[in-house]
N, C-alpha and C. Protein backbone atom coordinates (compact mmCIF):
# COMPACT_ATOMS: atom_id res chain seq x y z
N UNK A 1 118.46 78.89 96.04
CA UNK A 1 117.00 79.13 96.05
C UNK A 1 116.46 79.39 94.65
N UNK A 2 115.17 79.36 94.51
CA UNK A 2 114.55 79.59 93.19
C UNK A 2 114.90 80.99 92.70
N UNK A 3 115.18 81.91 93.63
CA UNK A 3 115.47 83.30 93.22
C UNK A 3 116.68 83.32 92.27
N UNK A 4 117.67 82.51 92.55
CA UNK A 4 118.87 82.48 91.70
C UNK A 4 118.50 82.00 90.30
N UNK A 5 117.66 80.98 90.23
CA UNK A 5 117.26 80.43 88.92
C UNK A 5 116.55 81.50 88.10
N UNK A 6 115.70 82.27 88.78
CA UNK A 6 114.94 83.31 88.06
C UNK A 6 115.89 84.39 87.56
N UNK A 7 116.86 84.73 88.41
CA UNK A 7 117.82 85.80 88.04
C UNK A 7 118.53 85.40 86.74
N UNK A 8 118.92 84.16 86.64
CA UNK A 8 119.63 83.69 85.44
C UNK A 8 118.71 83.75 84.22
N UNK A 9 117.45 83.47 84.46
CA UNK A 9 116.49 83.47 83.33
C UNK A 9 116.27 84.90 82.83
N UNK A 10 116.41 85.87 83.73
CA UNK A 10 116.20 87.26 83.31
C UNK A 10 114.78 87.71 83.57
N UNK A 11 114.10 87.04 84.50
CA UNK A 11 112.70 87.43 84.79
C UNK A 11 112.63 88.01 86.20
N UNK A 12 113.62 88.78 86.57
CA UNK A 12 113.65 89.35 87.93
C UNK A 12 112.43 90.25 88.14
N UNK A 13 112.12 91.08 87.15
CA UNK A 13 110.97 92.00 87.26
C UNK A 13 109.67 91.21 87.43
N UNK A 14 109.52 90.19 86.63
CA UNK A 14 108.26 89.41 86.68
C UNK A 14 108.17 88.62 87.99
N UNK A 15 109.31 88.19 88.49
CA UNK A 15 109.31 87.38 89.72
C UNK A 15 109.12 88.29 90.94
N UNK A 16 109.64 89.52 90.86
CA UNK A 16 109.53 90.45 92.01
C UNK A 16 108.06 90.65 92.38
N UNK A 17 107.18 90.73 91.41
CA UNK A 17 105.75 90.96 91.71
C UNK A 17 105.14 89.71 92.38
N UNK A 18 105.31 88.53 91.79
CA UNK A 18 104.74 87.31 92.37
C UNK A 18 105.41 86.93 93.69
N UNK A 19 106.61 87.40 93.90
CA UNK A 19 107.33 87.06 95.15
C UNK A 19 106.40 87.32 96.35
N UNK A 20 105.57 88.35 96.25
CA UNK A 20 104.65 88.68 97.38
C UNK A 20 103.60 87.55 97.46
N UNK A 21 103.21 87.00 96.34
CA UNK A 21 102.19 85.92 96.35
C UNK A 21 102.89 84.56 96.35
N UNK A 22 102.96 83.94 97.46
CA UNK A 22 103.69 82.65 97.53
C UNK A 22 102.96 81.62 96.62
N UNK A 23 101.69 81.74 96.46
CA UNK A 23 100.92 80.78 95.63
C UNK A 23 101.50 80.76 94.21
N UNK A 24 101.81 81.93 93.69
CA UNK A 24 102.31 82.00 92.30
C UNK A 24 103.76 81.52 92.24
N UNK A 25 104.50 81.77 93.29
CA UNK A 25 105.93 81.36 93.29
C UNK A 25 106.02 79.83 93.39
N UNK A 26 105.17 79.24 94.18
CA UNK A 26 105.23 77.76 94.40
C UNK A 26 105.16 77.04 93.03
N UNK A 27 104.17 77.30 92.20
CA UNK A 27 104.05 76.61 90.92
C UNK A 27 105.23 76.93 90.00
N UNK A 28 105.66 78.18 90.01
CA UNK A 28 106.77 78.60 89.14
C UNK A 28 108.03 77.83 89.51
N UNK A 29 108.27 77.71 90.80
CA UNK A 29 109.47 77.01 91.28
C UNK A 29 109.40 75.53 90.89
N UNK A 30 108.24 74.96 91.03
CA UNK A 30 108.07 73.53 90.71
C UNK A 30 108.38 73.29 89.22
N UNK A 31 107.95 74.18 88.39
CA UNK A 31 108.16 74.01 86.94
C UNK A 31 109.66 74.13 86.62
N UNK A 32 110.33 75.10 87.24
CA UNK A 32 111.77 75.29 86.96
C UNK A 32 112.57 74.14 87.57
N UNK A 33 112.16 73.69 88.72
CA UNK A 33 112.90 72.62 89.42
C UNK A 33 112.70 71.29 88.66
N UNK A 34 111.54 71.10 88.13
CA UNK A 34 111.24 69.82 87.45
C UNK A 34 112.26 69.51 86.37
């Protein structure tokens, strides 16, 4: 899942907040997946 990718990047704190907002996670995941 995208969560693993974020963990490796070291942005767990920043991702934890947006995790509640799926709108913000969707674009972030698309950028990392691209």
